[in-house]
Structure formats: structure tokens, C-alpha cells
Amino acid sequence: MQFTNPHEQFCFDTATSFTTVRGFGRNRTRAEFSTFGDALEHADDLADGRTMIYAINDLGNAAHICNR
């Protein structure tokens, strides 16, 4: 995994959950996962490269980790 800044690395390393987000505006959908692997699996099921994955930690910090 390549991180673009220290904030992404920190959020990923301390993440307690991962969120996938798709769509725009009122068509936006979200799904919550306890592991990065589960979030990747969900994104791969959709297989269009338009799913954004975010890491979220206990402090409320969030960072975009990848598109899948």
C-alpha cells in the first residue's frame, strides 16, 4: 500500500473501521466494514473502479485510502 501523506498512513494504521463510498449527491451510497479486506472485497464485487475506500479511527479522523 502506497500512502500519499502521513495522515493517510496514521488513519490506516489506527483504523477501527473502513467505509466504502460510491455515487454523487443524493445518489451516494455508503457501506461500513470492520476490516480493510472486507471493504476491498465489496469494492471488487462492483468492479468498476468507482468505489472510494476511507479509513476511520477512534479519534474521528478519516482519510481516503484508495479507489477500487
Protein backbone atom coordinates (compact mmCIF):
# COMPACT_ATOMS: atom_id res chain seq x y z
CA MET A 1 0.00 0.00 0.00
CA GLN A 2 1.37 3.41 -1.01
CA PHE A 3 0.27 6.38 1.08
CA THR A 4 0.50 9.93 -0.26
CA ASN A 5 0.93 11.62 3.14
CA PRO A 6 1.45 10.85 6.84
CA HIS A 7 -2.22 11.48 7.66
CA GLU A 8 -3.33 8.61 5.41
CA GLN A 9 -0.74 6.31 7.00
CA PHE A 10 -1.85 7.31 10.51
CA CYS A 11 -5.54 6.78 9.76
CA PHE A 12 -4.89 3.42 8.13
CA ASP A 13 -2.63 2.21 10.96
CA THR A 14 -5.13 3.23 13.67
CA ALA A 15 -8.35 2.45 11.78
CA THR A 16 -11.23 0.89 13.63
CA SER A 17 -13.44 0.75 10.53
CA PHE A 18 -13.43 1.27 6.79
CA THR A 19 -16.12 2.91 4.70
CA THR A 20 -16.81 2.47 1.01
CA VAL A 21 -18.49 5.34 -0.80
CA ARG A 22 -20.00 5.40 -4.28
CA GLY A 23 -22.01 7.88 -6.27
CA PHE A 24 -22.59 11.62 -6.11
CA GLY A 25 -25.03 13.81 -4.21
CA ARG A 26 -28.32 12.16 -3.36
CA ASN A 27 -27.28 9.02 -5.26
CA ARG A 28 -24.34 8.46 -2.90
CA THR A 29 -24.20 5.14 -1.07
CA ARG A 30 -22.04 4.07 1.87
CA ALA A 31 -21.15 0.75 3.43
CA GLU A 32 -19.25 0.18 6.69
CA PHE A 33 -16.72 -2.63 7.25
CA SER A 34 -14.58 -3.67 10.19
CA THR A 35 -11.58 -4.67 8.05
CA PHE A 36 -9.82 -3.26 5.00
CA GLY A 37 -10.05 -6.67 3.34
CA ASP A 38 -13.84 -6.67 3.64
CA ALA A 39 -14.01 -3.18 2.12
CA LEU A 40 -11.77 -4.27 -0.76
CA GLU A 41 -13.91 -7.35 -1.36
CA HIS A 42 -17.06 -5.22 -1.51
CA ALA A 43 -15.43 -2.81 -3.98
CA ASP A 44 -14.10 -5.66 -6.11
CA ASP A 45 -17.60 -7.14 -6.37
CA LEU A 46 -18.67 -3.93 -8.12
CA ALA A 47 -15.55 -3.98 -10.36
CA ASP A 48 -15.89 -0.56 -11.98
CA GLY A 49 -13.12 1.42 -10.23
CA ARG A 50 -15.56 3.97 -8.80
CA THR A 51 -15.62 2.90 -5.16
CA MET A 52 -13.68 5.11 -2.73
CA ILE A 53 -12.39 3.49 0.46
CA TYR A 54 -11.82 5.53 3.62
CA ALA A 55 -10.11 4.55 6.88
CA ILE A 56 -11.69 5.86 10.10
CA ASN A 57 -10.16 5.74 13.57
CA ASP A 58 -11.44 6.20 17.15
CA LEU A 59 -10.41 9.86 17.16
CA GLY A 60 -12.81 10.59 14.30
CA ASN A 61 -10.02 11.05 11.77
CA ALA A 62 -10.75 9.81 8.27
CA ALA A 63 -8.60 9.52 5.17
CA HIS A 64 -9.22 8.42 1.61
CA ILE A 65 -7.11 5.30 1.13
CA CYS A 66 -7.82 4.22 -2.43
CA ASN A 67 -10.30 3.91 -5.27
CA ARG A 68 -11.17 0.41 -6.29
